[in-house]
Amino acid sequence: MDASCTLKPAEVAVVLVEQAVAKHNTRYDKTFFKAASDQCVHFLAGVMLSFGGLFDMIISGGSPGLLASNPGIVKVLGGFVFPVGIAMIALQGLELLTSNLMTFPMAVLKGVIPWWSIPVNWTIVFFGNLSGSLFFVAVLAKSDGLVTSDPYASYIRSFVVAKAITPAWYQIFIRGIGCNWLVCVAFWQAAGARETYSKIIAIWFPIWIFVSCGFDHVVANMFLLPLGIILHSELTTDLYIRKSLIATFLGNIIGALFMGLPAVYFYLGDWDASGLRGVEEARMERKNLNIADS
């Protein structure tokens, strides 16, 4: 029995490609709904990430005095609590678009899934994450009145302006690159950790960095920016899509490739998927359980 608490980098790369193969071979209804629990894993990922976003808004928006005197500390504090959403996604085995932006191209480059699996999976996961985020905005952020009054509402409106209106398109695009590079580092490190607490720590620090720095995450913005829109900020739905959503999504793709392509080059040159080409998600999970028990 291997006593190591982490996988080697080459082993992590194999695990990530195997995950993509399993997801590709899972039926489309199971891709959107997890059959064992009748839950929409993409929908739930949007909800889980929004919990982290709301926590960030509560900390940052609820500290107007500190924000005025030391905005850097507020960014660090808000960034520290945000990773709870990513950690819940990883530990529950939910589907987050930005991690699939890394794993599916890796699997395609190794020839274990067809190229068309990329747009199919990304489209399903995109709209699942979007629906979960919008549900959270309408029900768990606005209807319950948690952030509809000051100081939270004013902070969110100003945050949305600084996030999506003030920066140029290319700046949002570049921020998207930095964001998902760090997010994919977090998922890479979590895949290499064996214990739950190790996975949480592995996720926490890269996500803390991206939020504190103000980088743009396409799914996180699906909660934060629509929340500003329904709170009557200057941002409109049309402007959000044209300026933020598209730029962030494209930047997130590039950031994921900056992590995934070197991994294929360095660690997967002579790797072959062998019998995994036919595996689907449920059988992949059973295989991992058998390995853990051995």
Protein backbone atom coordinates (compact mmCIF):
# COMPACT_ATOMS: atom_id res chain seq x y z
CA MET A 1 0.00 0.00 0.00
CA ASP A 2 1.39 3.41 -1.02
CA ALA A 3 1.75 5.60 2.06
CA SER A 4 2.17 8.78 0.02
CA CYS A 5 -0.54 11.37 0.63
CA THR A 6 -0.21 12.84 -2.87
CA LEU A 7 -0.03 11.54 -6.42
CA LYS A 8 2.93 12.29 -8.65
CA PRO A 9 2.35 14.89 -11.42
CA ALA A 10 2.22 12.22 -14.13
CA GLU A 11 -0.40 10.31 -12.12
CA VAL A 12 -2.48 13.46 -11.69
CA ALA A 13 -2.43 14.06 -15.45
CA VAL A 14 -3.70 10.52 -16.04
CA VAL A 15 -6.46 10.95 -13.45
CA LEU A 16 -7.68 14.15 -15.14
CA VAL A 17 -7.78 12.55 -18.59
CA GLU A 18 -9.58 9.50 -17.19
CA GLN A 19 -12.18 11.83 -15.69
CA ALA A 20 -12.75 13.42 -19.09
CA VAL A 21 -13.10 9.99 -20.73
CA ALA A 22 -15.66 8.94 -18.11
CA LYS A 23 -17.65 12.16 -18.56
CA HIS A 24 -17.60 11.81 -22.35
CA ASN A 25 -19.03 8.29 -22.18
CA THR A 26 -21.73 9.18 -19.68
CA ARG A 27 -25.21 9.62 -21.19
CA TYR A 28 -26.29 13.20 -21.78
CA ASP A 29 -29.15 12.98 -19.30
CA LYS A 30 -26.69 11.75 -16.67
CA THR A 31 -24.35 14.54 -17.67
CA PHE A 32 -27.03 17.00 -16.62
CA PHE A 33 -28.64 14.91 -13.88
CA LYS A 34 -26.79 12.61 -11.49
CA ALA A 35 -28.88 9.44 -11.62
CA ALA A 36 -27.94 8.12 -8.22
CA SER A 37 -29.32 11.14 -6.41
CA ASP A 38 -31.58 12.72 -9.05
CA GLN A 39 -29.66 16.00 -8.72
CA CYS A 40 -28.44 18.24 -11.47
CA VAL A 41 -24.70 18.31 -10.90
CA HIS A 42 -24.10 21.31 -13.14
CA PHE A 43 -26.99 23.23 -11.61
CA LEU A 44 -25.68 22.42 -8.14
CA ALA A 45 -22.15 23.52 -9.03
CA GLY A 46 -23.53 26.94 -9.93
CA VAL A 47 -25.33 27.05 -6.59
CA MET A 48 -22.27 25.92 -4.59
CA LEU A 49 -20.04 28.49 -6.26
CA SER A 50 -22.64 31.18 -5.57
CA PHE A 51 -22.53 30.35 -1.86
CA GLY A 52 -18.87 31.32 -1.95
CA GLY A 53 -19.66 34.46 -3.94
CA LEU A 54 -22.36 35.50 -1.48
CA PHE A 55 -19.99 34.93 1.45
CA ASP A 56 -17.49 37.20 -0.30
CA MET A 57 -20.14 39.91 -0.80
CA ILE A 58 -21.24 39.70 2.84
CA ILE A 59 -17.67 40.17 4.09
CA SER A 60 -16.65 42.86 1.58
CA GLY A 61 -19.94 44.74 1.39
CA GLY A 62 -20.43 44.63 5.14
CA SER A 63 -17.15 46.42 5.85
CA PRO A 64 -17.62 49.93 4.43
CA GLY A 65 -15.32 51.59 6.95
CA LEU A 66 -12.50 49.13 6.34
CA LEU A 67 -13.14 49.32 2.60
CA ALA A 68 -12.64 53.09 2.66
CA SER A 69 -9.48 52.97 4.78
CA ASN A 70 -7.83 49.76 3.54
CA PRO A 71 -9.42 48.26 0.41
CA GLY A 72 -6.58 45.78 -0.02
CA ILE A 73 -7.40 44.06 3.26
CA VAL A 74 -11.05 43.79 2.24
CA LYS A 75 -10.03 42.10 -1.02
CA VAL A 76 -7.87 39.64 0.89
CA LEU A 77 -10.64 38.88 3.40
CA GLY A 78 -13.28 38.44 0.69
CA GLY A 79 -10.90 36.27 -1.31
CA PHE A 80 -10.21 34.10 1.72
CA VAL A 81 -13.85 33.04 2.16
CA PHE A 82 -14.73 32.58 -1.52
CA PRO A 83 -12.95 29.19 -1.99
CA VAL A 84 -15.59 27.46 0.16
CA GLY A 85 -17.75 27.19 -3.00
CA ILE A 86 -14.99 25.58 -5.11
CA ALA A 87 -14.15 23.20 -2.27
CA MET A 88 -17.77 22.04 -2.01
CA ILE A 89 -17.87 21.45 -5.78
CA ALA A 90 -14.70 19.35 -5.75
CA LEU A 91 -15.63 17.30 -2.69
CA GLN A 92 -19.17 16.57 -3.94
CA GLY A 93 -17.99 15.57 -7.41
CA LEU A 94 -20.04 18.28 -9.13
CA GLU A 95 -19.44 19.69 -12.59
CA LEU A 96 -17.74 23.07 -13.02
CA LEU A 97 -17.24 24.45 -16.52
CA THR A 98 -13.82 25.93 -15.90
CA SER A 99 -12.19 22.65 -14.85
CA ASN A 100 -13.64 20.88 -17.92
CA LEU A 101 -12.00 23.56 -20.06
CA MET A 102 -8.73 21.91 -19.04
CA THR A 103 -9.52 18.19 -18.92
CA PHE A 104 -11.45 17.76 -22.18
CA PRO A 105 -8.76 19.23 -24.46
CA MET A 106 -6.21 17.01 -22.68
CA ALA A 107 -8.29 13.92 -23.49
CA VAL A 108 -8.86 15.02 -27.10
CA LEU A 109 -5.12 15.55 -27.63
CA LYS A 110 -4.50 11.99 -26.43
CA GLY A 111 -7.10 10.70 -28.89
CA VAL A 112 -9.27 9.04 -26.25
CA ILE A 113 -12.39 11.13 -26.94
CA PRO A 114 -13.55 12.79 -30.19
CA TRP A 115 -13.16 16.53 -30.78
CA TRP A 116 -16.93 17.12 -30.79
CA SER A 117 -17.11 16.07 -27.15
CA ILE A 118 -15.61 19.45 -26.23
CA PRO A 119 -18.45 21.69 -27.51
CA VAL A 120 -21.12 19.20 -26.38
CA ASN A 121 -19.84 18.96 -22.81
CA TRP A 122 -18.98 22.63 -22.48
CA THR A 123 -22.44 23.65 -23.70
CA ILE A 124 -24.28 21.34 -21.28
CA VAL A 125 -22.14 22.35 -18.32
CA PHE A 126 -22.28 26.06 -19.23
CA PHE A 127 -26.06 26.19 -19.15
CA GLY A 128 -26.24 23.98 -16.07
CA ASN A 129 -23.88 26.27 -14.16
CA LEU A 130 -25.78 29.30 -15.46
CA SER A 131 -29.17 27.99 -14.33
CA GLY A 132 -27.84 27.19 -10.85
CA SER A 133 -26.28 30.63 -10.52
CA LEU A 134 -29.42 32.45 -11.65
CA PHE A 135 -31.55 30.37 -9.30
CA PHE A 136 -29.28 31.41 -6.45
CA VAL A 137 -29.45 35.07 -7.47
CA ALA A 138 -33.26 35.11 -7.61
CA VAL A 139 -34.06 32.97 -4.58
CA LEU A 140 -31.16 32.83 -2.12
CA ALA A 141 -29.67 36.30 -2.65
CA LYS A 142 -32.57 38.63 -3.58
CA SER A 143 -35.86 37.13 -2.42
CA ASP A 144 -34.60 36.50 1.10
CA GLY A 145 -33.44 40.12 1.39
CA LEU A 146 -29.90 39.30 2.54
CA VAL A 147 -28.15 41.82 0.27
CA THR A 148 -30.97 44.04 -1.00
CA SER A 149 -30.33 46.87 1.48
CA ASP A 150 -27.26 48.97 2.26
CA PRO A 151 -24.40 48.63 2.77
CA TYR A 152 -24.53 45.44 0.70
CA ALA A 153 -26.63 46.69 -2.22
CA SER A 154 -24.51 49.79 -2.74
CA TYR A 155 -21.32 47.74 -2.59
CA ILE A 156 -22.61 45.20 -5.10
CA ARG A 157 -23.69 47.92 -7.53
CA SER A 158 -20.27 49.58 -7.37
CA PHE A 159 -18.54 46.18 -7.57
CA VAL A 160 -20.40 45.35 -10.78
CA VAL A 161 -19.40 48.65 -12.38
CA ALA A 162 -15.72 48.08 -11.51
CA LYS A 163 -15.93 44.46 -12.67
CA ALA A 164 -17.72 44.74 -16.01
CA ILE A 165 -18.09 48.37 -17.10
CA THR A 166 -14.88 50.21 -16.19
CA PRO A 167 -12.29 47.75 -17.62
CA ALA A 168 -11.77 47.37 -21.36
CA TRP A 169 -12.78 44.13 -23.12
CA TYR A 170 -9.17 43.02 -23.51
CA GLN A 171 -8.50 43.61 -19.81
CA ILE A 172 -11.40 41.35 -18.82
CA PHE A 173 -10.09 38.75 -21.30
CA ILE A 174 -6.61 38.85 -19.72
CA ARG A 175 -8.09 38.62 -16.23
CA GLY A 176 -9.98 35.54 -17.40
CA ILE A 177 -6.70 33.93 -18.42
CA GLY A 178 -5.13 34.52 -15.01
CA CYS A 179 -8.24 33.34 -13.23
CA ASN A 180 -8.64 29.94 -14.83
CA TRP A 181 -4.94 29.24 -14.83
CA LEU A 182 -5.17 29.42 -11.03
CA VAL A 183 -8.49 27.52 -10.90
CA CYS A 184 -6.99 24.68 -12.94
CA VAL A 185 -3.95 24.66 -10.64
CA ALA A 186 -6.40 24.25 -7.75
CA PHE A 187 -8.22 21.32 -9.40
CA TRP A 188 -4.90 19.75 -10.41
CA GLN A 189 -3.65 19.91 -6.83
CA ALA A 190 -6.95 18.59 -5.47
CA ALA A 191 -6.84 15.63 -7.88
CA GLY A 192 -3.38 14.79 -6.56
CA ALA A 193 -4.40 14.89 -2.89
CA ARG A 194 -5.78 11.77 -1.22
CA GLU A 195 -7.27 13.06 2.05
CA THR A 196 -10.19 15.46 2.31
CA TYR A 197 -8.34 18.09 4.32
CA SER A 198 -5.46 17.97 1.82
CA LYS A 199 -7.87 18.56 -1.06
CA ILE A 200 -9.38 21.57 0.72
CA ILE A 201 -5.98 23.13 1.39
CA ALA A 202 -4.84 22.41 -2.16
CA ILE A 203 -7.89 24.22 -3.53
CA TRP A 204 -7.95 27.13 -1.09
CA PHE A 205 -4.76 29.02 -1.86
CA PRO A 206 -4.96 29.33 -5.68
CA ILE A 207 -8.64 30.38 -5.45
CA TRP A 208 -7.82 32.86 -2.68
CA ILE A 209 -5.21 34.42 -4.98
CA PHE A 210 -7.50 34.79 -8.01
CA VAL A 211 -10.35 36.37 -6.04
CA SER A 212 -8.10 38.74 -4.10
CA CYS A 213 -6.40 39.85 -7.32
CA GLY A 214 -9.74 40.53 -9.02
CA PHE A 215 -9.43 38.03 -11.87
CA ASP A 216 -12.59 37.01 -13.76
CA HIS A 217 -14.23 33.58 -13.50
CA VAL A 218 -17.06 32.99 -15.96
CA VAL A 219 -19.21 30.95 -13.56
CA ALA A 220 -18.59 33.15 -10.51
CA ASN A 221 -19.62 36.13 -12.64
CA MET A 222 -22.86 34.31 -13.50
CA PHE A 223 -23.84 34.99 -9.90
CA LEU A 224 -22.12 38.28 -9.10
CA LEU A 225 -23.01 40.29 -12.21
CA PRO A 226 -26.69 39.24 -12.57
CA LEU A 227 -27.04 40.03 -8.86
CA GLY A 228 -25.88 43.56 -9.63
CA ILE A 229 -28.29 43.76 -12.58
CA ILE A 230 -31.35 42.87 -10.50
CA LEU A 231 -30.19 45.38 -7.86
CA HIS A 232 -30.43 48.06 -10.57
CA SER A 233 -26.77 48.75 -11.24
CA GLU A 234 -25.64 50.47 -14.43
CA LEU A 235 -24.87 47.09 -16.00
CA THR A 236 -27.43 45.70 -18.46
CA THR A 237 -27.91 42.11 -19.56
CA ASP A 238 -26.80 42.93 -23.08
CA LEU A 239 -23.62 44.63 -21.89
CA TYR A 240 -22.89 41.79 -19.49
CA ILE A 241 -23.02 39.24 -22.30
CA ARG A 242 -21.11 41.32 -24.88
CA LYS A 243 -18.38 42.69 -22.64
CA SER A 244 -17.97 40.35 -19.68
CA LEU A 245 -19.39 36.91 -20.39
CA ILE A 246 -17.73 36.39 -23.78
CA ALA A 247 -14.39 37.94 -22.79
CA THR A 248 -14.21 35.98 -19.54
CA PHE A 249 -15.19 32.69 -21.17
CA LEU A 250 -12.55 33.03 -23.89
CA GLY A 251 -9.93 34.06 -21.33
CA ASN A 252 -10.84 31.10 -19.12
CA ILE A 253 -10.31 28.75 -22.08
CA ILE A 254 -6.80 30.12 -22.67
CA GLY A 255 -5.98 29.91 -18.96
CA ALA A 256 -7.09 26.26 -18.88
CA LEU A 257 -4.93 25.46 -21.91
CA PHE A 258 -1.92 27.06 -20.21
CA MET A 259 -2.32 24.37 -17.54
CA GLY A 260 -3.54 21.43 -19.62
CA LEU A 261 -1.26 21.55 -22.69
CA PRO A 262 2.04 21.48 -20.77
CA ALA A 263 0.68 18.59 -18.70
CA VAL A 264 0.06 16.57 -21.88
CA TYR A 265 3.52 17.43 -23.21
CA PHE A 266 5.43 16.68 -20.02
CA TYR A 267 3.54 13.72 -18.57
CA LEU A 268 1.36 11.98 -21.16
CA GLY A 269 3.68 11.45 -24.11
CA ASP A 270 3.62 7.65 -23.94
CA TRP A 271 0.36 7.17 -22.01
CA ASP A 272 -2.46 5.09 -23.50
CA ALA A 273 -6.04 4.96 -22.22
CA SER A 274 -6.29 1.20 -22.95
CA GLY A 275 -9.59 -0.11 -21.58
CA LEU A 276 -10.78 3.26 -20.31
CA ARG A 277 -12.16 4.33 -23.69
CA GLY A 278 -15.44 2.59 -22.91
CA VAL A 279 -15.77 3.55 -19.26
CA GLU A 280 -18.47 5.90 -18.00
CA GLU A 281 -18.73 7.93 -14.82
CA ALA A 282 -20.34 5.36 -12.52
CA ARG A 283 -17.84 2.63 -13.43
CA MET A 284 -14.99 5.10 -13.07
CA GLU A 285 -16.13 5.94 -9.54
CA ARG A 286 -16.26 2.24 -8.62
CA LYS A 287 -12.76 1.74 -9.99
CA ASN A 288 -11.42 4.61 -7.88
CA LEU A 289 -13.11 3.16 -4.78
CA ASN A 290 -11.48 -0.21 -5.42
CA ILE A 291 -8.08 1.43 -5.78
CA ALA A 292 -8.55 3.37 -2.55
CA ASP A 293 -9.50 0.19 -0.68
CA SER A 294 -6.58 -1.83 -1.98
